């Protein structure tokens, strides 16, 4: 029987809307692509989430990729409260799971800087029982260590838990531990799959 729900944040509880944010800034498409290529689409984006390197150093590397958009890159990095926005349904969703007796944990790839900027705007945080964020443990999904850390920290039995993530590669990383998994493509679709597993929604 399922007693635990493990949730990713990005595109599960909150939209990672980096392109929409840049468009909201009224940048041209050329500038948007230049900012993206120096940041979220760069080869070292995962290094932010790993938390192994100084974040100011990583910002400097992004700027070095395209110094012509230095100010835009700086603005982007300091605006994550706008770049990642909680979905309207997320708080009620997590609250409802708690009211129905489930333990709810987060398992998300996030840098320290960006998580600290975003966290005050995540209303769902007041309902979760805890979680593991990648920068805290220097490991990112789908590396085995981050799943094992969550299991050990909260004494989770994965065969009695559901892990929900938008990326199949992260679900593939969870399955060897025994987690039930749901790839989140839409909120309604994920609710239906939870119901099929016997989760009370």
N, C-alpha and C. Protein backbone atom coordinates (compact mmCIF):
# COMPACT_ATOMS: atom_id res chain seq x y z
N UNK A 1 0.84 -1.19 0.00
CA UNK A 1 0.00 0.00 0.00
C UNK A 1 0.89 1.26 0.00
N UNK A 2 0.50 2.22 -0.78
CA UNK A 2 1.27 3.46 -0.88
C UNK A 2 1.04 4.33 0.36
N UNK A 3 2.14 4.76 0.98
CA UNK A 3 2.01 5.68 2.12
C UNK A 3 2.87 6.94 1.97
N UNK A 4 3.65 7.01 0.89
CA UNK A 4 4.59 8.12 0.71
C UNK A 4 4.57 8.62 -0.72
N UNK A 5 4.56 9.93 -0.90
CA UNK A 5 4.62 10.55 -2.23
C UNK A 5 5.89 11.42 -2.28
N UNK A 6 6.72 11.18 -3.28
CA UNK A 6 7.95 11.95 -3.47
C UNK A 6 7.79 12.77 -4.75
N UNK A 7 8.02 14.08 -4.64
CA UNK A 7 7.73 15.00 -5.73
C UNK A 7 8.97 15.78 -6.17
N UNK A 8 9.17 15.84 -7.47
CA UNK A 8 10.10 16.80 -8.05
C UNK A 8 9.43 18.18 -7.92
N UNK A 9 10.23 19.24 -8.05
CA UNK A 9 9.65 20.59 -8.03
C UNK A 9 9.41 21.09 -9.46
N UNK A 10 10.48 21.19 -10.25
CA UNK A 10 10.37 21.77 -11.58
C UNK A 10 9.46 20.99 -12.51
N UNK A 11 8.42 21.65 -13.00
CA UNK A 11 7.44 21.09 -13.93
C UNK A 11 6.56 20.00 -13.32
N UNK A 12 6.59 19.91 -11.98
CA UNK A 12 5.67 19.06 -11.24
C UNK A 12 4.87 19.93 -10.27
N UNK A 13 5.58 20.71 -9.46
CA UNK A 13 4.93 21.63 -8.53
C UNK A 13 5.07 23.09 -8.97
N UNK A 14 6.05 23.34 -9.82
CA UNK A 14 6.29 24.71 -10.29
C UNK A 14 6.81 24.68 -11.72
N UNK A 15 6.42 25.66 -12.49
CA UNK A 15 6.83 25.73 -13.88
C UNK A 15 8.21 26.37 -14.00
N UNK A 16 9.12 25.67 -14.67
CA UNK A 16 10.43 26.24 -14.98
C UNK A 16 10.25 27.00 -16.29
N UNK A 17 9.93 28.27 -16.16
CA UNK A 17 9.47 29.08 -17.29
C UNK A 17 10.56 30.04 -17.75
N UNK A 18 11.75 29.53 -17.98
CA UNK A 18 12.86 30.43 -18.31
C UNK A 18 12.62 31.16 -19.63
N UNK A 19 12.09 30.46 -20.62
CA UNK A 19 11.86 31.14 -21.91
C UNK A 19 10.75 32.19 -21.78
N UNK A 20 9.68 31.83 -21.07
CA UNK A 20 8.58 32.78 -20.88
C UNK A 20 9.07 34.02 -20.12
N UNK A 21 9.93 33.79 -19.12
CA UNK A 21 10.47 34.92 -18.37
C UNK A 21 11.27 35.84 -19.28
N UNK A 22 12.14 35.27 -20.10
CA UNK A 22 12.95 36.09 -21.00
C UNK A 22 12.08 36.83 -22.01
N UNK A 23 11.03 36.17 -22.46
CA UNK A 23 10.10 36.85 -23.38
C UNK A 23 9.36 37.98 -22.66
N UNK A 24 9.03 37.77 -21.39
CA UNK A 24 8.37 38.82 -20.60
C UNK A 24 9.26 40.05 -20.45
N UNK A 25 10.58 39.84 -20.54
CA UNK A 25 11.53 40.95 -20.44
C UNK A 25 11.62 41.76 -21.73
N UNK A 26 10.88 41.33 -22.75
CA UNK A 26 10.83 42.01 -24.05
C UNK A 26 12.16 41.99 -24.80
N UNK A 27 12.96 40.94 -24.55
CA UNK A 27 14.19 40.78 -25.31
C UNK A 27 13.85 40.28 -26.72
N UNK A 28 14.70 40.57 -27.67
CA UNK A 28 14.54 40.01 -29.01
C UNK A 28 14.84 38.52 -28.96
N UNK A 29 14.40 37.78 -29.97
CA UNK A 29 14.67 36.35 -30.02
C UNK A 29 16.16 36.07 -30.05
N UNK A 30 16.91 36.94 -30.70
CA UNK A 30 18.35 36.75 -30.75
C UNK A 30 18.95 36.84 -29.35
N UNK A 31 18.54 37.84 -28.58
CA UNK A 31 19.06 38.02 -27.23
C UNK A 31 18.63 36.86 -26.34
N UNK A 32 17.39 36.42 -26.48
CA UNK A 32 16.89 35.28 -25.70
C UNK A 32 17.76 34.05 -25.93
N UNK A 33 18.07 33.78 -27.20
CA UNK A 33 18.89 32.60 -27.50
C UNK A 33 20.30 32.75 -26.96
N UNK A 34 20.83 33.96 -27.01
CA UNK A 34 22.18 34.17 -26.48
C UNK A 34 22.22 33.97 -24.97
N UNK A 35 21.23 34.48 -24.27
CA UNK A 35 21.16 34.28 -22.82
C UNK A 35 21.01 32.79 -22.50
N UNK A 36 20.10 32.14 -23.22
CA UNK A 36 19.85 30.71 -22.97
C UNK A 36 21.10 29.88 -23.21
N UNK A 37 21.81 30.15 -24.30
CA UNK A 37 23.01 29.37 -24.63
C UNK A 37 24.12 29.58 -23.61
N UNK A 38 24.10 30.71 -22.93
CA UNK A 38 25.13 30.98 -21.92
C UNK A 38 24.71 30.51 -20.53
N UNK A 39 23.44 30.09 -20.39
CA UNK A 39 22.94 29.70 -19.06
C UNK A 39 22.28 28.32 -19.11
N UNK A 40 20.96 28.25 -19.25
CA UNK A 40 20.24 26.98 -19.11
C UNK A 40 20.59 25.95 -20.17
N UNK A 41 21.04 26.40 -21.33
CA UNK A 41 21.40 25.47 -22.40
C UNK A 41 22.90 25.22 -22.48
N UNK A 42 23.62 25.77 -21.54
CA UNK A 42 25.07 25.60 -21.54
C UNK A 42 25.43 24.20 -21.05
N UNK A 43 26.64 23.78 -21.33
CA UNK A 43 27.07 22.45 -20.94
C UNK A 43 27.32 22.28 -19.46
N UNK A 44 27.34 23.37 -18.72
CA UNK A 44 27.65 23.24 -17.29
C UNK A 44 26.48 23.61 -16.38
N UNK A 45 25.25 23.64 -16.89
CA UNK A 45 24.09 23.99 -16.06
C UNK A 45 23.95 23.06 -14.87
N UNK A 46 24.21 21.75 -15.08
CA UNK A 46 24.07 20.79 -13.98
C UNK A 46 25.04 21.08 -12.83
N UNK A 47 26.13 21.79 -13.13
CA UNK A 47 27.10 22.09 -12.08
C UNK A 47 26.48 23.01 -11.01
N UNK A 48 25.51 23.83 -11.41
CA UNK A 48 24.79 24.65 -10.44
C UNK A 48 24.08 23.74 -9.43
N UNK A 49 23.35 22.76 -9.97
CA UNK A 49 22.54 21.90 -9.11
C UNK A 49 23.39 20.98 -8.24
N UNK A 50 24.58 20.62 -8.71
CA UNK A 50 25.46 19.76 -7.93
C UNK A 50 26.01 20.46 -6.69
N UNK A 51 26.13 21.77 -6.75
CA UNK A 51 26.63 22.51 -5.60
C UNK A 51 28.08 22.28 -5.28
N UNK A 52 28.86 21.85 -6.27
CA UNK A 52 30.28 21.56 -6.03
C UNK A 52 31.19 22.75 -6.28
N UNK A 53 30.67 23.76 -6.98
CA UNK A 53 31.50 24.90 -7.34
C UNK A 53 30.88 26.20 -6.87
N UNK A 54 31.72 27.19 -6.67
CA UNK A 54 31.28 28.50 -6.25
C UNK A 54 30.32 29.09 -7.29
N UNK A 55 29.18 29.58 -6.82
CA UNK A 55 28.16 30.05 -7.75
C UNK A 55 28.57 31.33 -8.46
N UNK A 56 29.32 32.17 -7.81
CA UNK A 56 29.81 33.38 -8.48
C UNK A 56 30.77 33.02 -9.62
N UNK A 57 31.51 31.96 -9.43
CA UNK A 57 32.41 31.48 -10.49
C UNK A 57 31.61 30.99 -11.69
N UNK A 58 30.50 30.30 -11.41
CA UNK A 58 29.65 29.80 -12.49
C UNK A 58 28.97 30.95 -13.24
N UNK A 59 28.58 31.99 -12.51
CA UNK A 59 28.02 33.17 -13.17
C UNK A 59 29.06 33.78 -14.09
N UNK A 60 30.29 33.87 -13.60
CA UNK A 60 31.37 34.45 -14.41
C UNK A 60 31.61 33.62 -15.67
N UNK A 61 31.49 32.30 -15.56
CA UNK A 61 31.66 31.44 -16.75
C UNK A 61 30.54 31.68 -17.75
N UNK A 62 29.33 31.87 -17.25
CA UNK A 62 28.20 32.16 -18.15
C UNK A 62 28.44 33.46 -18.90
N UNK A 63 28.89 34.48 -18.18
CA UNK A 63 29.16 35.78 -18.81
C UNK A 63 30.29 35.66 -19.82
N UNK A 64 31.31 34.84 -19.49
CA UNK A 64 32.44 34.66 -20.40
C UNK A 64 32.02 34.02 -21.71
N UNK A 65 30.92 33.23 -21.68
CA UNK A 65 30.43 32.61 -22.91
C UNK A 65 29.86 33.65 -23.87
N UNK A 66 29.34 34.76 -23.32
CA UNK A 66 28.77 35.82 -24.16
C UNK A 66 28.77 37.15 -23.39
N UNK A 67 29.92 37.81 -23.31
CA UNK A 67 30.01 39.06 -22.55
C UNK A 67 29.07 40.15 -23.02
N UNK A 68 28.60 40.05 -24.26
CA UNK A 68 27.72 41.08 -24.80
C UNK A 68 26.36 41.13 -24.14
N UNK A 69 25.98 40.08 -23.41
CA UNK A 69 24.71 40.07 -22.69
C UNK A 69 24.95 39.90 -21.18
N UNK A 70 26.03 40.48 -20.71
CA UNK A 70 26.41 40.35 -19.29
C UNK A 70 25.28 40.79 -18.36
N UNK A 71 24.73 41.99 -18.57
CA UNK A 71 23.72 42.49 -17.66
C UNK A 71 22.46 41.64 -17.70
N UNK A 72 22.10 41.17 -18.88
CA UNK A 72 20.92 40.31 -19.01
C UNK A 72 21.12 38.98 -18.27
N UNK A 73 22.33 38.45 -18.35
CA UNK A 73 22.64 37.20 -17.65
C UNK A 73 22.57 37.41 -16.14
N UNK A 74 23.12 38.51 -15.65
CA UNK A 74 23.07 38.80 -14.22
C UNK A 74 21.63 38.95 -13.74
N UNK A 75 20.83 39.64 -14.52
CA UNK A 75 19.42 39.82 -14.16
C UNK A 75 18.71 38.47 -14.11
N UNK A 76 18.99 37.63 -15.08
CA UNK A 76 18.37 36.29 -15.14
C UNK A 76 18.70 35.48 -13.89
N UNK A 77 19.96 35.45 -13.51
CA UNK A 77 20.38 34.64 -12.37
C UNK A 77 19.79 35.13 -11.05
N UNK A 78 19.48 36.40 -10.97
CA UNK A 78 18.97 36.95 -9.72
C UNK A 78 17.44 37.07 -9.72
N UNK A 79 16.78 36.47 -10.70
CA UNK A 79 15.33 36.62 -10.84
C UNK A 79 14.59 35.30 -10.78
N UNK A 80 15.14 34.32 -10.07
CA UNK A 80 14.54 32.99 -10.12
C UNK A 80 13.17 32.90 -9.46
N UNK A 81 12.81 33.88 -8.67
CA UNK A 81 11.45 33.90 -8.15
C UNK A 81 10.45 34.11 -9.28
N UNK A 82 10.91 34.68 -10.39
CA UNK A 82 10.06 34.87 -11.57
C UNK A 82 10.25 33.77 -12.59
N UNK A 83 11.42 33.16 -12.59
CA UNK A 83 11.74 32.11 -13.58
C UNK A 83 11.04 30.81 -13.23
N UNK A 84 10.92 30.50 -11.94
CA UNK A 84 10.24 29.29 -11.49
C UNK A 84 9.02 29.70 -10.68
N UNK A 85 7.83 29.39 -11.21
CA UNK A 85 6.57 29.83 -10.60
C UNK A 85 5.74 28.64 -10.16
N UNK A 86 5.28 28.66 -8.92
CA UNK A 86 4.42 27.58 -8.42
C UNK A 86 3.12 27.51 -9.22
N UNK A 87 2.70 26.29 -9.56
CA UNK A 87 1.41 26.11 -10.21
C UNK A 87 0.29 26.44 -9.22
N UNK A 88 -0.82 26.92 -9.72
CA UNK A 88 -1.94 27.32 -8.87
C UNK A 88 -2.46 26.16 -8.02
N UNK A 89 -2.37 24.94 -8.54
CA UNK A 89 -2.94 23.79 -7.85
C UNK A 89 -1.98 23.13 -6.86
N UNK A 90 -0.71 23.50 -6.87
CA UNK A 90 0.29 22.73 -6.14
C UNK A 90 0.07 22.70 -4.63
N UNK A 91 -0.21 23.84 -4.05
CA UNK A 91 -0.38 23.90 -2.60
C UNK A 91 -1.56 23.04 -2.15
N UNK A 92 -2.68 23.16 -2.83
CA UNK A 92 -3.85 22.36 -2.48
C UNK A 92 -3.60 20.87 -2.71
N UNK A 93 -2.84 20.54 -3.75
CA UNK A 93 -2.50 19.16 -4.05
C UNK A 93 -1.72 18.53 -2.89
N UNK A 94 -0.66 19.21 -2.46
CA UNK A 94 0.17 18.68 -1.37
C UNK A 94 -0.62 18.66 -0.06
N UNK A 95 -1.36 19.71 0.20
CA UNK A 95 -2.19 19.76 1.41
C UNK A 95 -3.18 18.60 1.44
N UNK A 96 -3.79 18.32 0.29
CA UNK A 96 -4.75 17.22 0.21
C UNK A 96 -4.11 15.87 0.48
N UNK A 97 -2.90 15.66 -0.04
CA UNK A 97 -2.19 14.41 0.23
C UNK A 97 -1.92 14.25 1.73
N UNK A 98 -1.51 15.35 2.38
CA UNK A 98 -1.25 15.30 3.81
C UNK A 98 -2.53 15.00 4.58
N UNK A 99 -3.63 15.63 4.20
CA UNK A 99 -4.90 15.42 4.90
C UNK A 99 -5.38 13.98 4.76
N UNK A 100 -4.94 13.32 3.68
CA UNK A 100 -5.33 11.93 3.47
C UNK A 100 -4.32 10.95 4.06
N UNK A 101 -3.36 11.47 4.82
CA UNK A 101 -2.48 10.60 5.59
C UNK A 101 -1.16 10.23 4.98
N UNK A 102 -0.80 10.86 3.86
CA UNK A 102 0.46 10.50 3.20
C UNK A 102 1.63 11.36 3.69
N UNK A 103 2.82 10.75 3.71
CA UNK A 103 4.04 11.50 3.89
C UNK A 103 4.42 12.07 2.53
N UNK A 104 4.84 13.32 2.49
CA UNK A 104 5.17 13.98 1.22
C UNK A 104 6.58 14.58 1.33
N UNK A 105 7.44 14.17 0.39
CA UNK A 105 8.82 14.65 0.37
C UNK A 105 9.17 15.21 -1.00
N UNK A 106 10.14 16.12 -1.01
CA UNK A 106 10.65 16.68 -2.25
C UNK A 106 11.95 15.99 -2.64
N UNK A 107 12.18 15.81 -3.92
CA UNK A 107 13.45 15.33 -4.45
C UNK A 107 13.70 16.09 -5.74
N UNK A 108 14.59 17.08 -5.67
CA UNK A 108 14.69 18.01 -6.79
C UNK A 108 16.14 18.45 -7.03
N UNK A 109 16.47 18.63 -8.30
CA UNK A 109 17.75 19.22 -8.68
C UNK A 109 17.62 20.74 -8.62
N UNK A 110 18.42 21.36 -7.76
CA UNK A 110 18.32 22.80 -7.57
C UNK A 110 19.63 23.32 -7.02
N UNK A 111 20.05 24.49 -7.48
CA UNK A 111 21.24 25.12 -6.90
C UNK A 111 20.84 25.84 -5.61
N UNK A 112 21.81 26.08 -4.75
CA UNK A 112 21.55 26.76 -3.48
C UNK A 112 20.98 28.16 -3.72
N UNK A 113 21.62 28.91 -4.59
CA UNK A 113 21.20 30.28 -4.86
C UNK A 113 19.77 30.32 -5.39
N UNK A 114 19.48 29.49 -6.37
CA UNK A 114 18.16 29.54 -7.00
C UNK A 114 17.08 29.00 -6.06
N UNK A 115 17.42 28.00 -5.24
CA UNK A 115 16.43 27.49 -4.30
C UNK A 115 16.10 28.53 -3.24
N UNK A 116 17.13 29.22 -2.76
CA UNK A 116 16.89 30.24 -1.74
C UNK A 116 16.06 31.40 -2.29
N UNK A 117 16.25 31.73 -3.57
CA UNK A 117 15.45 32.78 -4.19
C UNK A 117 14.00 32.35 -4.39
N UNK A 118 13.80 31.08 -4.73
CA UNK A 118 12.46 30.58 -5.07
C UNK A 118 11.64 30.16 -3.86
N UNK A 119 12.30 29.57 -2.87
CA UNK A 119 11.61 28.93 -1.75
C UNK A 119 10.59 29.82 -1.05
N UNK A 120 10.88 31.11 -0.80
CA UNK A 120 9.88 31.94 -0.11
C UNK A 120 8.56 32.08 -0.88
N UNK A 121 8.57 31.81 -2.17
CA UNK A 121 7.37 31.95 -3.00
C UNK A 121 6.67 30.62 -3.25
N UNK A 122 7.18 29.55 -2.65
CA UNK A 122 6.57 28.23 -2.80
C UNK A 122 5.64 27.97 -1.62
N UNK A 123 4.37 28.16 -1.83
CA UNK A 123 3.40 27.98 -0.75
C UNK A 123 3.31 26.51 -0.33
N UNK A 124 3.59 25.58 -1.25
CA UNK A 124 3.49 24.16 -0.94
C UNK A 124 4.51 23.72 0.11
N UNK A 125 5.56 24.52 0.33
CA UNK A 125 6.61 24.13 1.26
C UNK A 125 6.08 23.92 2.68
N UNK A 126 5.04 24.63 3.05
CA UNK A 126 4.55 24.53 4.43
C UNK A 126 3.83 23.21 4.69
N UNK A 127 3.57 22.44 3.63
CA UNK A 127 2.86 21.18 3.79
C UNK A 127 3.76 19.95 3.66
N UNK A 128 4.93 20.09 3.06
CA UNK A 128 5.78 18.91 2.85
C UNK A 128 6.46 18.51 4.15
N UNK A 129 6.82 17.23 4.25
CA UNK A 129 7.46 16.70 5.45
C UNK A 129 8.98 16.81 5.41
N UNK A 130 9.52 17.21 4.28
CA UNK A 130 10.97 17.32 4.14
C UNK A 130 11.37 17.06 2.71
N UNK A 131 12.63 16.75 2.51
CA UNK A 131 13.09 16.47 1.16
C UNK A 131 14.59 16.55 1.04
N UNK A 132 15.06 16.24 -0.14
CA UNK A 132 16.49 16.33 -0.46
C UNK A 132 16.62 17.17 -1.73
N UNK A 133 17.40 18.23 -1.63
CA UNK A 133 17.67 19.10 -2.77
C UNK A 133 19.12 18.86 -3.19
N UNK A 134 19.35 18.76 -4.47
CA UNK A 134 20.64 18.27 -4.98
C UNK A 134 21.86 18.99 -4.42
N UNK A 135 21.81 20.32 -4.33
CA UNK A 135 22.99 21.06 -3.89
C UNK A 135 23.39 20.68 -2.47
N UNK A 136 22.40 20.23 -1.67
CA UNK A 136 22.67 19.89 -0.27
C UNK A 136 23.55 18.65 -0.15
N UNK A 137 23.41 17.73 -1.09
CA UNK A 137 24.09 16.43 -0.98
C UNK A 137 25.14 16.22 -2.07
N UNK A 138 25.33 17.25 -2.92
CA UNK A 138 26.33 17.19 -3.99
C UNK A 138 26.09 16.01 -4.93
N UNK A 139 24.82 15.77 -5.21
CA UNK A 139 24.43 14.70 -6.13
C UNK A 139 23.13 15.10 -6.80
N UNK A 140 22.99 14.79 -8.09
CA UNK A 140 21.78 15.14 -8.83
C UNK A 140 21.10 13.89 -9.38
N UNK A 141 19.79 13.99 -9.55
CA UNK A 141 19.08 12.93 -10.27
C UNK A 141 19.63 12.87 -11.70
N UNK A 142 19.84 11.71 -12.27
CA UNK A 142 19.46 10.38 -11.79
C UNK A 142 20.58 9.60 -11.10
N UNK A 143 21.53 10.26 -10.46
CA UNK A 143 22.60 9.55 -9.75
C UNK A 143 22.01 8.77 -8.58
N UNK A 144 22.43 7.52 -8.37
CA UNK A 144 21.86 6.70 -7.29
C UNK A 144 21.97 7.33 -5.91
N UNK A 145 23.02 8.07 -5.66
CA UNK A 145 23.26 8.60 -4.32
C UNK A 145 22.12 9.47 -3.81
N UNK A 146 21.52 10.28 -4.68
CA UNK A 146 20.49 11.21 -4.21
C UNK A 146 19.22 10.47 -3.78
N UNK A 147 18.88 9.38 -4.48
CA UNK A 147 17.72 8.57 -4.09
C UNK A 147 17.99 7.87 -2.77
N UNK A 148 19.20 7.30 -2.65
CA UNK A 148 19.55 6.59 -1.42
C UNK A 148 19.57 7.52 -0.22
N UNK A 149 20.03 8.76 -0.45
CA UNK A 149 20.05 9.74 0.64
C UNK A 149 18.65 10.02 1.14
N UNK A 150 17.70 10.19 0.21
CA UNK A 150 16.31 10.43 0.60
C UNK A 150 15.76 9.23 1.38
N UNK A 151 16.00 8.05 0.88
CA UNK A 151 15.51 6.83 1.54
C UNK A 151 16.04 6.73 2.96
N UNK A 152 17.35 6.93 3.11
CA UNK A 152 17.98 6.80 4.42
C UNK A 152 17.55 7.90 5.39
N UNK A 153 17.44 9.11 4.88
CA UNK A 153 17.12 10.25 5.73
C UNK A 153 15.74 10.13 6.36
N UNK A 154 14.78 9.59 5.60
CA UNK A 154 13.40 9.54 6.07
C UNK A 154 12.88 8.12 6.27
N UNK A 155 13.79 7.15 6.19
CA UNK A 155 13.42 5.74 6.40
C UNK A 155 12.23 5.35 5.51
N UNK A 156 12.35 5.69 4.23
CA UNK A 156 11.29 5.39 3.25
C UNK A 156 11.42 3.96 2.76
N UNK A 157 10.31 3.28 2.66
CA UNK A 157 10.25 1.99 1.96
C UNK A 157 9.81 2.29 0.54
N UNK A 158 10.73 2.24 -0.45
CA UNK A 158 10.36 2.64 -1.82
C UNK A 158 9.21 1.86 -2.42
N UNK A 159 9.01 0.61 -1.98
CA UNK A 159 7.91 -0.18 -2.55
C UNK A 159 6.55 0.35 -2.08
N UNK A 160 6.57 1.23 -1.07
CA UNK A 160 5.34 1.85 -0.58
C UNK A 160 5.30 3.34 -0.91
N UNK A 161 6.12 3.72 -1.90
CA UNK A 161 6.24 5.14 -2.27
C UNK A 161 6.08 5.34 -3.76
N UNK A 162 5.58 6.52 -4.13
CA UNK A 162 5.47 6.93 -5.53
C UNK A 162 6.38 8.12 -5.75
N UNK A 163 7.20 8.05 -6.80
CA UNK A 163 8.04 9.18 -7.17
C UNK A 163 7.50 9.79 -8.45
N UNK A 164 7.27 11.11 -8.43
CA UNK A 164 6.70 11.82 -9.58
C UNK A 164 7.70 12.84 -10.10
N UNK A 165 8.01 12.74 -11.39
CA UNK A 165 8.99 13.62 -12.02
C UNK A 165 8.56 13.81 -13.47
N UNK A 166 8.98 14.93 -14.06
CA UNK A 166 8.62 15.15 -15.46
C UNK A 166 9.59 14.48 -16.44
N UNK A 167 10.77 14.08 -15.95
CA UNK A 167 11.79 13.51 -16.84
C UNK A 167 11.92 12.00 -16.65
N UNK A 168 11.80 11.26 -17.74
CA UNK A 168 11.87 9.81 -17.67
C UNK A 168 13.22 9.32 -17.14
N UNK A 169 14.29 10.03 -17.47
CA UNK A 169 15.62 9.60 -17.01
C UNK A 169 15.68 9.60 -15.48
N UNK A 170 15.00 10.54 -14.84
CA UNK A 170 15.00 10.58 -13.37
C UNK A 170 14.14 9.47 -12.78
N UNK A 171 13.06 9.10 -13.48
CA UNK A 171 12.24 7.98 -13.04
C UNK A 171 13.00 6.67 -13.21
N UNK A 172 13.76 6.57 -14.30
CA UNK A 172 14.58 5.37 -14.52
C UNK A 172 15.60 5.21 -13.39
N UNK A 173 16.10 6.34 -12.87
CA UNK A 173 17.05 6.27 -11.77
C UNK A 173 16.42 5.80 -10.47
N UNK A 174 15.11 6.04 -10.32
CA UNK A 174 14.41 5.68 -9.08
C UNK A 174 13.94 4.23 -9.05
N UNK A 175 13.64 3.65 -10.21
CA UNK A 175 13.02 2.33 -10.26
C UNK A 175 13.87 1.22 -9.65
N UNK A 176 15.20 1.21 -9.82
CA UNK A 176 15.98 0.13 -9.20
C UNK A 176 15.85 0.06 -7.68
N UNK A 177 15.44 1.16 -7.06
CA UNK A 177 15.25 1.16 -5.61
C UNK A 177 13.89 0.59 -5.22
N UNK A 178 13.00 0.42 -6.19
CA UNK A 178 11.68 -0.13 -5.92
C UNK A 178 10.55 0.88 -5.93
N UNK A 179 10.84 2.15 -6.23
CA UNK A 179 9.79 3.16 -6.27
C UNK A 179 8.77 2.87 -7.37
N UNK A 180 7.50 3.11 -7.09
CA UNK A 180 6.51 3.29 -8.15
C UNK A 180 6.81 4.66 -8.76
N UNK A 181 6.59 4.80 -10.06
CA UNK A 181 6.93 6.08 -10.70
C UNK A 181 5.81 6.57 -11.60
N UNK A 182 5.71 7.90 -11.69
CA UNK A 182 4.77 8.54 -12.59
C UNK A 182 5.49 9.67 -13.31
N UNK A 183 5.47 9.63 -14.64
CA UNK A 183 6.00 10.75 -15.41
C UNK A 183 4.90 11.79 -15.53
N UNK A 184 5.16 12.98 -15.02
CA UNK A 184 4.15 14.04 -15.01
C UNK A 184 4.16 14.77 -16.35
N UNK A 185 3.05 14.61 -17.09
CA UNK A 185 2.87 15.33 -18.34
C UNK A 185 1.82 16.42 -18.20
N UNK A 186 0.89 16.19 -17.29
CA UNK A 186 -0.10 17.20 -16.92
C UNK A 186 -0.59 16.85 -15.52
N UNK A 187 -1.19 17.82 -14.86
CA UNK A 187 -1.66 17.57 -13.50
C UNK A 187 -2.78 16.54 -13.49
N UNK A 188 -3.73 16.66 -14.39
CA UNK A 188 -4.85 15.73 -14.42
C UNK A 188 -4.38 14.31 -14.73
N UNK A 189 -3.44 14.18 -15.65
CA UNK A 189 -2.91 12.85 -15.99
C UNK A 189 -2.22 12.22 -14.79
N UNK A 190 -1.45 13.03 -14.05
CA UNK A 190 -0.73 12.47 -12.90
C UNK A 190 -1.70 12.10 -11.78
N UNK A 191 -2.77 12.88 -11.60
CA UNK A 191 -3.78 12.53 -10.60
C UNK A 191 -4.44 11.20 -10.93
N UNK A 192 -4.74 11.00 -12.21
CA UNK A 192 -5.37 9.76 -12.63
C UNK A 192 -4.45 8.56 -12.37
N UNK A 193 -3.16 8.74 -12.63
CA UNK A 193 -2.22 7.64 -12.39
C UNK A 193 -2.05 7.37 -10.90
N UNK A 194 -2.11 8.41 -10.09
CA UNK A 194 -2.07 8.19 -8.64
C UNK A 194 -3.29 7.38 -8.18
N UNK A 195 -4.45 7.73 -8.71
CA UNK A 195 -5.67 7.00 -8.35
C UNK A 195 -5.56 5.53 -8.73
N UNK A 196 -4.95 5.25 -9.88
CA UNK A 196 -4.77 3.85 -10.31
C UNK A 196 -3.89 3.07 -9.35
N UNK A 197 -3.00 3.78 -8.69
CA UNK A 197 -2.13 3.12 -7.70
C UNK A 197 -2.78 3.04 -6.33
N UNK A 198 -4.03 3.52 -6.24
CA UNK A 198 -4.76 3.45 -4.99
C UNK A 198 -4.57 4.62 -4.07
N UNK A 199 -3.92 5.68 -4.57
CA UNK A 199 -3.70 6.87 -3.75
C UNK A 199 -4.99 7.67 -3.66
N UNK A 200 -5.33 8.08 -2.47
CA UNK A 200 -6.55 8.84 -2.24
C UNK A 200 -6.28 10.31 -2.55
N UNK A 201 -6.99 10.85 -3.51
CA UNK A 201 -6.82 12.24 -3.94
C UNK A 201 -8.08 13.03 -3.57
